[in-house]
C-alpha atoms as a PDB file:
ATOM      1  CA  MET A   1      -0.066   0.044   0.354  1.00  0.00           C
ATOM      2  CA  PRO A   2       1.402   3.374  -1.083  1.00  0.00           C
ATOM      3  CA  LEU A   3       2.460   5.561   1.853  1.00  0.00           C
ATOM      4  CA  SER A   4       0.089   8.042   1.557  1.00  0.00           C
ATOM      5  CA  ARG A   5      -2.581   6.140   1.114  1.00  0.00           C
ATOM      6  CA  ARG A   6      -1.743   4.092   4.196  1.00  0.00           C
ATOM      7  CA  THR A   7      -1.432   7.451   6.633  1.00  0.00           C
ATOM      8  CA  LYS A   8      -5.105   8.171   5.235  1.00  0.00           C
ATOM      9  CA  VAL A   9      -6.547   4.560   6.145  1.00  0.00           C
ATOM     10  CA  LEU A  10      -4.302   4.865   9.372  1.00  0.00           C
ATOM     11  CA  ALA A  11      -5.561   8.445  10.207  1.00  0.00           C
ATOM     12  CA  ALA A  12      -9.216   7.391   9.582  1.00  0.00           C
ATOM     13  CA  ALA A  13      -8.973   4.262  12.225  1.00  0.00           C
ATOM     14  CA  ALA A  14      -7.700   6.110  14.468  1.00  0.00           C
ATOM     15  CA  ALA A  15     -10.483   8.941  14.289  1.00  0.00           C
ATOM     16  CA  ALA A  16     -12.948   6.183  14.623  1.00  0.00           C
ATOM     17  CA  ILE A  17     -11.123   5.095  17.579  1.00  0.00           C
ATOM     18  CA  ARG A  18     -11.487   8.375  18.956  1.00  0.00           C
ATOM     19  CA  THR A  19     -15.119   9.362  18.011  1.00  0.00           C
ATOM     20  CA  PRO A  20     -17.450   6.840  19.994  1.00  0.00           C
ATOM     21  CA  PRO A  21     -20.388   5.635  18.117  1.00  0.00           C
ATOM     22  CA  LYS A  22     -23.610   8.100  17.755  1.00  0.00           C
ATOM     23  CA  PRO A  23     -26.417   6.493  19.920  1.00  0.00           C
ATOM     24  CA  ILE A  24     -29.421   5.035  18.539  1.00  0.00           C
ATOM     25  CA  VAL A  25     -32.194   7.864  19.427  1.00  0.00           C
ATOM     26  CA  ALA A  26     -35.556   6.921  20.722  1.00  0.00           C
ATOM     27  CA  VAL A  27     -37.931   7.487  17.674  1.00  0.00           C
ATOM     28  CA  PRO A  28     -41.646   6.892  18.236  1.00  0.00           C
ATOM     29  CA  ARG A  29     -43.056   3.539  16.046  1.00  0.00           C
ATOM     30  CA  MET A  30     -46.002   2.254  15.519  1.00  0.00           C
ATOM     31  CA  PRO A  31     -46.419  -1.453  16.944  1.00  0.00           C
ATOM     32  CA  ASP A  32     -46.691  -3.945  14.305  1.00  0.00           C
ATOM     33  CA  ASP A  33     -48.140  -6.695  16.960  1.00  0.00           C
ATOM     34  CA  GLY A  34     -51.736  -6.238  17.169  1.00  0.00           C
ATOM     35  CA  ASP A  35     -54.347  -7.720  15.128  1.00  0.00           C
ATOM     36  CA  GLU A  36     -58.244  -8.311  14.775  1.00  0.00           C
ATOM     37  CA  LEU A  37     -58.022 -10.288  18.447  1.00  0.00           C
ATOM     38  CA  ARG A  38     -54.646  -9.154  19.741  1.00  0.00           C
ATOM     39  CA  PHE A  39     -53.926  -6.014  21.735  1.00  0.00           C
ATOM     40  CA  CYS A  40     -50.748  -3.768  20.398  1.00  0.00           C
ATOM     41  CA  SER A  41     -48.446  -3.746  22.584  1.00  0.00           C
ATOM     42  CA  THR A  42     -48.476  -0.117  23.472  1.00  0.00           C
ATOM     43  CA  CYS A  43     -52.766  -0.198  24.659  1.00  0.00           C
ATOM     44  CA  ALA A  44     -53.565   1.153  27.280  1.00  0.00           C
ATOM     45  CA  PHE A  45     -56.209  -1.185  28.410  1.00  0.00           C
ATOM     46  CA  GLY A  46     -54.868  -4.490  26.599  1.00  0.00           C
ATOM     47  CA  SER A  47     -53.064  -5.225  29.816  1.00  0.00           C
ATOM     48  CA  VAL A  48     -56.119  -5.003  32.121  1.00  0.00           C
ATOM     49  CA  CYS A  49     -58.578  -6.493  29.606  1.00  0.00           C
ATOM     50  CA  MET A  50     -56.452  -9.850  28.660  1.00  0.00           C
ATOM     51  CA  PRO A  51     -56.040 -10.987  32.595  1.00  0.00           C
ATOM     52  CA  GLN A  52     -59.596 -10.574  33.109  1.00  0.00           C
ATOM     53  CA  GLY A  53     -60.197 -12.621  29.791  1.00  0.00           C
ATOM     54  CA  VAL A  54     -61.622  -9.924  27.778  1.00  0.00           C
ATOM     55  CA  ASP A  55     -60.245 -10.032  24.295  1.00  0.00           C
ATOM     56  CA  LYS A  56     -60.902  -8.457  21.023  1.00  0.00           C
ATOM     57  CA  ALA A  57     -63.268 -10.573  20.031  1.00  0.00           C
ATOM     58  CA  MET A  58     -65.243 -10.212  23.222  1.00  0.00           C
ATOM     59  CA  LEU A  59     -64.963  -6.286  22.661  1.00  0.00           C
ATOM     60  CA  ALA A  60     -66.679  -6.695  19.113  1.00  0.00           C
ATOM     61  CA  GLU A  61     -69.248  -8.880  20.999  1.00  0.00           C
ATOM     62  CA  LEU A  62     -69.680  -5.968  23.104  1.00  0.00           C
ATOM     63  CA  HIS A  63     -69.743  -3.351  20.484  1.00  0.00           C
ATOM     64  CA  CYS A  64     -66.574  -1.975  21.623  1.00  0.00           C
ATOM     65  CA  LEU A  65     -64.539  -1.920  18.559  1.00  0.00           C
ATOM     66  CA  VAL A  66     -60.833  -0.457  18.809  1.00  0.00           C
ATOM     67  CA  GLU A  67     -60.615   1.565  15.366  1.00  0.00           C
ATOM     68  CA  HIS A  68     -57.033   2.107  14.136  1.00  0.00           C
ATOM     69  CA  ALA A  69     -57.037   5.433  12.134  1.00  0.00           C
ATOM     70  CA  GLY A  70     -54.499   7.445  10.357  1.00  0.00           C
ATOM     71  CA  PRO A  71     -52.039   8.056   8.824  1.00  0.00           C
ATOM     72  CA  TYR A  72     -52.156  11.651   9.651  1.00  0.00           C
ATOM     73  CA  ARG A  73     -49.855  14.160   8.183  1.00  0.00           C
ATOM     74  CA  ALA A  74     -48.083  16.555   9.794  1.00  0.00           C
ATOM     75  CA  ASP A  75     -50.196  19.287  11.330  1.00  0.00           C
ATOM     76  CA  GLU A  76     -53.039  17.362  10.733  1.00  0.00           C
ATOM     77  CA  ARG A  77     -55.954  17.305  13.323  1.00  0.00           C
ATOM     78  CA  ILE A  78     -57.364  14.334  14.808  1.00  0.00           C
ATOM     79  CA  PHE A  79     -59.867  16.353  16.594  1.00  0.00           C
ATOM     80  CA  HIS A  80     -60.597  19.905  16.876  1.00  0.00           C
ATOM     81  CA  ALA A  81     -61.448  22.269  19.437  1.00  0.00           C
ATOM     82  CA  GLY A  82     -65.117  22.028  19.882  1.00  0.00           C
ATOM     83  CA  ASP A  83     -65.841  19.209  18.533  1.00  0.00           C
ATOM     84  CA  ARG A  84     -68.418  17.008  19.969  1.00  0.00           C
ATOM     85  CA  PHE A  85     -66.840  14.447  22.133  1.00  0.00           C
ATOM     86  CA  GLY A  86     -67.452  10.639  21.460  1.00  0.00           C
ATOM     87  CA  ALA A  87     -64.393   8.840  21.937  1.00  0.00           C
ATOM     88  CA  ILE A  88     -60.740   8.860  23.280  1.00  0.00           C
ATOM     89  CA  TYR A  89     -57.865   8.205  21.637  1.00  0.00           C
ATOM     90  CA  ALA A  90     -54.569   6.354  21.787  1.00  0.00           C
ATOM     91  CA  VAL A  91     -51.712   7.427  20.034  1.00  0.00           C
ATOM     92  CA  ARG A  92     -50.422   4.492  17.958  1.00  0.00           C
ATOM     93  CA  GLY A  93     -47.299   5.176  16.172  1.00  0.00           C
ATOM     94  CA  GLY A  94     -45.470   9.325  15.937  1.00  0.00           C
ATOM     95  CA  THR A  95     -46.183  12.325  18.071  1.00  0.00           C
ATOM     96  CA  VAL A  96     -49.461  14.388  18.788  1.00  0.00           C
ATOM     97  CA  LYS A  97     -49.802  17.269  20.225  1.00  0.00           C
ATOM     98  CA  THR A  98     -52.592  19.329  22.138  1.00  0.00           C
ATOM     99  CA  SER A  99     -52.855  23.056  22.175  1.00  0.00           C
ATOM    100  CA  VAL A 100     -55.778  25.711  22.306  1.00  0.00           C
ATOM    101  CA  THR A 101     -55.966  28.755  20.173  1.00  0.00           C
ATOM    102  CA  ASP A 102     -57.545  32.133  21.578  1.00  0.00           C
ATOM    103  CA  ASP A 103     -59.728  34.757  19.805  1.00  0.00           C
ATOM    104  CA  ASP A 104     -56.725  36.482  18.977  1.00  0.00           C
ATOM    105  CA  GLY A 105     -55.088  33.477  17.117  1.00  0.00           C
ATOM    106  CA  ARG A 106     -52.311  32.670  19.940  1.00  0.00           C
ATOM    107  CA  GLU A 107     -51.676  29.287  20.306  1.00  0.00           C
ATOM    108  CA  GLN A 108     -51.327  27.416  23.905  1.00  0.00           C
ATOM    109  CA  VAL A 109     -49.069  23.841  24.126  1.00  0.00           C
ATOM    110  CA  LEU A 110     -50.564  21.795  26.429  1.00  0.00           C
ATOM    111  CA  GLY A 111     -48.838  18.607  26.166  1.00  0.00           C
ATOM    112  CA  PHE A 112     -46.950  16.257  23.521  1.00  0.00           C
ATOM    113  CA  HIS A 113     -48.002  12.554  23.453  1.00  0.00           C
ATOM    114  CA  LEU A 114     -46.258   9.241  22.241  1.00  0.00           C
ATOM    115  CA  PRO A 115     -47.296   6.166  21.232  1.00  0.00           C
ATOM    116  CA  GLY A 116     -49.132   4.117  24.095  1.00  0.00           C
ATOM    117  CA  GLU A 117     -50.564   7.841  25.580  1.00  0.00           C
ATOM    118  CA  MET A 118     -54.616   8.953  25.872  1.00  0.00           C
ATOM    119  CA  ILE A 119     -55.627  12.327  24.198  1.00  0.00           C
ATOM    120  CA  GLY A 120     -59.209  13.476  24.787  1.00  0.00           C
ATOM    121  CA  LEU A 121     -59.831  12.258  28.246  1.00  0.00           C
ATOM    122  CA  ASN A 122     -59.898  16.296  29.316  1.00  0.00           C
ATOM    123  CA  ALA A 123     -63.358  16.145  26.877  1.00  0.00           C
ATOM    124  CA  ILE A 124     -65.307  13.595  29.610  1.00  0.00           C
ATOM    125  CA  HIS A 125     -66.666  16.579  31.538  1.00  0.00           C
ATOM    126  CA  PRO A 126     -67.721  19.292  28.881  1.00  0.00           C
ATOM    127  CA  ALA A 127     -68.577  16.336  26.712  1.00  0.00           C
ATOM    128  CA  LYS A 128     -66.791  18.010  23.755  1.00  0.00           C
ATOM    129  CA  TYR A 129     -63.072  18.539  23.367  1.00  0.00           C
ATOM    130  CA  PRO A 130     -61.676  21.366  24.616  1.00  0.00           C
ATOM    131  CA  CYS A 131     -58.412  21.471  22.670  1.00  0.00           C
ATOM    132  CA  ASP A 132     -57.053  20.564  19.124  1.00  0.00           C
ATOM    133  CA  ALA A 133     -54.970  17.138  18.974  1.00  0.00           C
ATOM    134  CA  ILE A 134     -52.566  17.800  15.816  1.00  0.00           C
ATOM    135  CA  ALA A 135     -49.688  15.418  14.437  1.00  0.00           C
ATOM    136  CA  ILE A 136     -46.174  16.586  14.894  1.00  0.00           C
ATOM    137  CA  ASP A 137     -45.258  14.023  12.548  1.00  0.00           C
ATOM    138  CA  THR A 138     -46.842  10.825  10.626  1.00  0.00           C
ATOM    139  CA  ALA A 139     -48.998   9.593  13.152  1.00  0.00           C
ATOM    140  CA  TYR A 140     -51.605   6.660  13.796  1.00  0.00           C
ATOM    141  CA  VAL A 141     -54.376   6.471  16.725  1.00  0.00           C
ATOM    142  CA  CYS A 142     -56.759   3.856  18.015  1.00  0.00           C
ATOM    143  CA  ARG A 143     -59.856   5.154  18.871  1.00  0.00           C
ATOM    144  CA  PHE A 144     -61.938   3.803  21.535  1.00  0.00           C
ATOM    145  CA  SER A 145     -65.649   4.573  21.673  1.00  0.00           C
ATOM    146  CA  PHE A 146     -66.509   6.249  25.153  1.00  0.00           C
ATOM    147  CA  PRO A 147     -70.066   4.943  25.775  1.00  0.00           C
ATOM    148  CA  ALA A 148     -68.690   1.565  24.700  1.00  0.00           C
ATOM    149  CA  LEU A 149     -65.699   1.775  27.044  1.00  0.00           C
ATOM    150  CA  SER A 150     -67.850   3.172  30.234  1.00  0.00           C
ATOM    151  CA  MET A 151     -70.212   0.217  29.633  1.00  0.00           C
ATOM    152  CA  LEU A 152     -67.113  -1.907  29.653  1.00  0.00           C
ATOM    153  CA  ALA A 153     -65.569  -0.215  32.767  1.00  0.00           C
ATOM    154  CA  ALA A 154     -68.804  -0.862  34.341  1.00  0.00           C
ATOM    155  CA  ARG A 155     -68.557  -4.682  33.887  1.00  0.00           C
ATOM    156  CA  PHE A 156     -64.904  -5.323  34.363  1.00  0.00           C
ATOM    157  CA  PRO A 157     -63.784  -3.100  37.247  1.00  0.00           C
ATOM    158  CA  GLY A 158     -60.103  -3.349  36.444  1.00  0.00           C
ATOM    159  CA  VAL A 159     -61.102  -1.442  33.470  1.00  0.00           C
ATOM    160  CA  GLN A 160     -62.644   0.878  35.092  1.00  0.00           C
ATOM    161  CA  GLN A 161     -59.476   1.090  37.439  1.00  0.00           C
ATOM    162  CA  GLN A 162     -57.250   1.462  34.444  1.00  0.00           C
ATOM    163  CA  LEU A 163     -59.476   4.721  32.985  1.00  0.00           C
ATOM    164  CA  PHE A 164     -59.393   6.391  36.700  1.00  0.00           C
ATOM    165  CA  ARG A 165     -55.485   5.884  36.578  1.00  0.00           C
ATOM    166  CA  LEU A 166     -55.222   7.701  33.245  1.00  0.00           C
ATOM    167  CA  LEU A 167     -57.267  10.253  34.083  1.00  0.00           C
ATOM    168  CA  SER A 168     -55.250  10.832  37.302  1.00  0.00           C
ATOM    169  CA  ALA A 169     -51.975  10.887  35.085  1.00  0.00           C
ATOM    170  CA  ASP A 170     -53.566  13.408  32.514  1.00  0.00           C
ATOM    171  CA  ILE A 171     -54.305  15.718  35.811  1.00  0.00           C
ATOM    172  CA  GLY A 172     -51.196  15.307  37.177  1.00  0.00           C
ATOM    173  CA  LYS A 173     -49.728  16.449  33.824  1.00  0.00           C
ATOM    174  CA  ALA A 174     -51.826  19.373  33.346  1.00  0.00           C
ATOM    175  CA  ALA A 175     -50.561  20.907  36.597  1.00  0.00           C
ATOM    176  CA  LEU A 176     -46.427  19.559  36.451  1.00  0.00           C
ATOM    177  CA  LEU A 177     -45.483  22.975  35.229  1.00  0.00           C
ATOM    178  CA  ALA A 178     -47.779  25.159  37.220  1.00  0.00           C
ATOM    179  CA  GLY A 179     -45.461  26.207  40.219  1.00  0.00           C
ATOM    180  CA  ASP A 180     -42.998  29.403  40.214  1.00  0.00           C
ATOM    181  CA  HIS A 181     -39.994  26.969  38.528  1.00  0.00           C
ATOM    182  CA  SER A 182     -36.784  28.338  36.870  1.00  0.00           C
ATOM    183  CA  ALA A 183     -36.375  28.051  33.238  1.00  0.00           C
ATOM    184  CA  ASP A 184     -33.491  25.586  33.876  1.00  0.00           C
ATOM    185  CA  GLU A 185     -35.511  23.872  36.436  1.00  0.00           C
ATOM    186  CA  ARG A 186     -38.195  23.081  33.604  1.00  0.00           C
ATOM    187  CA  VAL A 187     -36.523  22.460  30.866  1.00  0.00           C
ATOM    188  CA  ALA A 188     -34.710  20.213  32.589  1.00  0.00           C
ATOM    189  CA  ALA A 189     -37.764  18.545  33.876  1.00  0.00           C
ATOM    190  CA  PHE A 190     -38.995  18.434  30.283  1.00  0.00           C
ATOM    191  CA  LEU A 191     -36.003  16.223  28.989  1.00  0.00           C
ATOM    192  CA  ILE A 192     -36.239  13.789  32.043  1.00  0.00           C
ATOM    193  CA  GLY A 193     -39.898  13.814  31.592  1.00  0.00           C
ATOM    194  CA  LEU A 194     -39.497  12.574  27.847  1.00  0.00           C
ATOM    195  CA  ALA A 195     -37.021  10.239  28.517  1.00  0.00           C
ATOM    196  CA  ASP A 196     -38.845   8.521  31.561  1.00  0.00           C
ATOM    197  CA  ARG A 197     -41.921   8.327  29.037  1.00  0.00           C
ATOM    198  CA  TYR A 198     -39.187   6.737  26.147  1.00  0.00           C
ATOM    199  CA  GLY A 199     -37.818   4.482  28.743  1.00  0.00           C
ATOM    200  CA  ALA A 200     -41.046   3.082  29.822  1.00  0.00           C
ATOM    201  CA  ARG A 201     -41.777   2.096  26.169  1.00  0.00           C
ATOM    202  CA  GLY A 202     -38.217   0.293  25.578  1.00  0.00           C
ATOM    203  CA  PHE A 203     -36.309   3.031  24.115  1.00  0.00           C
ATOM    204  CA  SER A 204     -33.291   4.583  25.429  1.00  0.00           C
ATOM    205  CA  ARG A 205     -33.757   6.744  28.433  1.00  0.00           C
ATOM    206  CA  THR A 206     -30.956   8.706  26.991  1.00  0.00           C
ATOM    207  CA  ALA A 207     -31.031   9.458  23.523  1.00  0.00           C
ATOM    208  CA  LEU A 208     -33.636  11.104  22.289  1.00  0.00           C
ATOM    209  CA  ARG A 209     -35.490  12.521  19.306  1.00  0.00           C
ATOM    210  CA  LEU A 210     -37.181  16.226  19.672  1.00  0.00           C
ATOM    211  CA  SER A 211     -39.914  15.906  16.904  1.00  0.00           C
ATOM    212  CA  MET A 212     -41.490  18.864  18.049  1.00  0.00           C
ATOM    213  CA  ALA A 213     -40.205  22.155  17.165  1.00  0.00           C
ATOM    214  CA  ARG A 214     -38.174  24.035  19.738  1.00  0.00           C
ATOM    215  CA  SER A 215     -41.025  26.896  19.328  1.00  0.00           C
ATOM    216  CA  ASP A 216     -43.263  24.367  20.686  1.00  0.00           C
ATOM    217  CA  ILE A 217     -41.519  23.166  23.839  1.00  0.00           C
ATOM    218  CA  ALA A 218     -41.033  26.920  24.961  1.00  0.00           C
ATOM    219  CA  ASN A 219     -44.632  27.559  24.662  1.00  0.00           C
ATOM    220  CA  TYR A 220     -45.337  24.268  26.404  1.00  0.00           C
ATOM    221  CA  LEU A 221     -43.178  25.365  28.950  1.00  0.00           C
ATOM    222  CA  ARG A 222     -43.985  28.902  29.173  1.00  0.00           C
ATOM    223  CA  LEU A 223     -40.830  30.139  27.993  1.00  0.00           C
ATOM    224  CA  ALA A 224     -39.608  32.552  25.273  1.00  0.00           C
ATOM    225  CA  ALA A 225     -38.286  30.045  22.531  1.00  0.00           C
ATOM    226  CA  GLU A 226     -34.717  32.089  22.932  1.00  0.00           C
ATOM    227  CA  THR A 227     -34.482  31.110  26.963  1.00  0.00           C
ATOM    228  CA  VAL A 228     -35.053  27.561  25.468  1.00  0.00           C
ATOM    229  CA  SER A 229     -32.317  27.690  23.408  1.00  0.00           C
ATOM    230  CA  ARG A 230     -29.990  29.334  25.909  1.00  0.00           C
ATOM    231  CA  VAL A 231     -30.832  26.648  28.082  1.00  0.00           C
ATOM    232  CA  LEU A 232     -30.182  23.725  25.951  1.00  0.00           C
ATOM    233  CA  ARG A 233     -26.557  25.759  25.222  1.00  0.00           C
ATOM    234  CA  ARG A 234     -25.812  26.150  28.721  1.00  0.00           C
ATOM    235  CA  PHE A 235     -26.726  22.164  29.318  1.00  0.00           C
ATOM    236  CA  ARG A 236     -24.344  21.370  26.463  1.00  0.00           C
ATOM    237  CA  ASP A 237     -21.770  23.579  27.613  1.00  0.00           C
ATOM    238  CA  GLN A 238     -21.960  22.501  31.447  1.00  0.00           C
ATOM    239  CA  GLY A 239     -21.701  18.350  29.825  1.00  0.00           C
ATOM    240  CA  LEU A 240     -25.007  17.610  30.942  1.00  0.00           C
ATOM    241  CA  ILE A 241     -26.388  16.760  27.156  1.00  0.00           C
ATOM    242  CA  ALA A 242     -25.179  16.802  23.784  1.00  0.00           C
ATOM    243  CA  VAL A 243     -27.543  18.118  20.773  1.00  0.00           C
ATOM    244  CA  ASP A 244     -27.084  17.157  17.119  1.00  0.00           C
ATOM    245  CA  GLY A 245     -30.232  19.002  15.377  1.00  0.00           C
ATOM    246  CA  ARG A 246     -33.264  17.118  16.673  1.00  0.00           C
ATOM    247  CA  ASP A 247     -31.672  14.317  18.341  1.00  0.00           C
ATOM    248  CA  VAL A 248     -30.412  14.973  22.079  1.00  0.00           C
ATOM    249  CA  THR A 249     -28.220  13.097  24.434  1.00  0.00           C
ATOM    250  CA  LEU A 250     -28.601  13.113  28.306  1.00  0.00           C
ATOM    251  CA  THR A 251     -24.979  12.536  28.908  1.00  0.00           C
ATOM    252  CA  ASP A 252     -25.511  13.247  32.617  1.00  0.00           C
ATOM    253  CA  PRO A 253     -29.045  12.538  33.502  1.00  0.00           C
ATOM    254  CA  VAL A 254     -28.365  12.540  37.114  1.00  0.00           C
ATOM    255  CA  ALA A 255     -27.611  15.919  37.665  1.00  0.00           C
ATOM    256  CA  LEU A 256     -30.451  16.723  35.098  1.00  0.00           C
ATOM    257  CA  ARG A 257     -32.656  15.025  37.719  1.00  0.00           C
ATOM    258  CA  HIS A 258     -31.356  16.404  40.459  1.00  0.00           C
ATOM    259  CA  LEU A 259     -32.221  20.156  38.658  1.00  0.00           C
ATOM    260  CA  ALA A 260     -35.559  18.987  37.839  1.00  0.00           C
ATOM    261  CA  ARG A 261     -36.159  17.667  41.099  1.00  0.00           C
ATOM    262  CA  ASN A 262     -38.413  20.602  42.239  1.00  0.00           C
ATOM    263  CA  VAL A 263     -40.649  20.095  39.053  1.00  0.00           C
ATOM    264  CA  VAL A 264     -40.936  16.456  38.915  1.00  0.00           C
ATOM    265  CA  HIS A 265     -42.049  15.834  42.687  1.00  0.00           C
ATOM    266  CA  ALA A 266     -44.204  18.987  42.603  1.00  0.00           C
END
């Protein structure tokens, strides 16, 4: 091998050794394990229905069909604020944003929802959806008829308890950022919360894909977009995270969790 070529090969090999492999980023996917008889692995009710002997065939007999809907493209609405409430939805693939828009056209982001998480629970009392549900990227959902689900819950206590747990968790998310927390605490809590939710679904707890726009994250955290960018740069400079476009790696999750402790446990 000529000397110049050999030198280049050795230099490339040395660089590969010095450069750690890029972590596999958590990207929400649509499960492909559900069918007419089996629940998807992310189903919010499958884990409580099956132990009680309720499979999809029985759901069909009870007229409680679980409908798959989608794909919804980015910025498409799954439901609109003011629509009559008739179903709750579980995200099956992709990411969904919920938000409200005031009379002056200003949007307020309420949350971001990953596969296996429910949307539409806040519509039960007013009997209409109080917000928009918007696909951030290509999204798929499961639609649960709420009247049929209510009848199922009345017959099977485990389903009723799971519904109550989902409602309680939804209320907890809404109150998470209500306190007087600093920008650093809010951003740290957002990253830790997202990491925990990804981890619960079998993805990495440290390598994250932020599919939502920075402006939407800032809106959700009740911060200016410039503030979020500044905090992320500071976290990067402090060695807490590494940022590559929409990919964020939590390089010191322990320190981030400590910083977020007053928000996460509020």
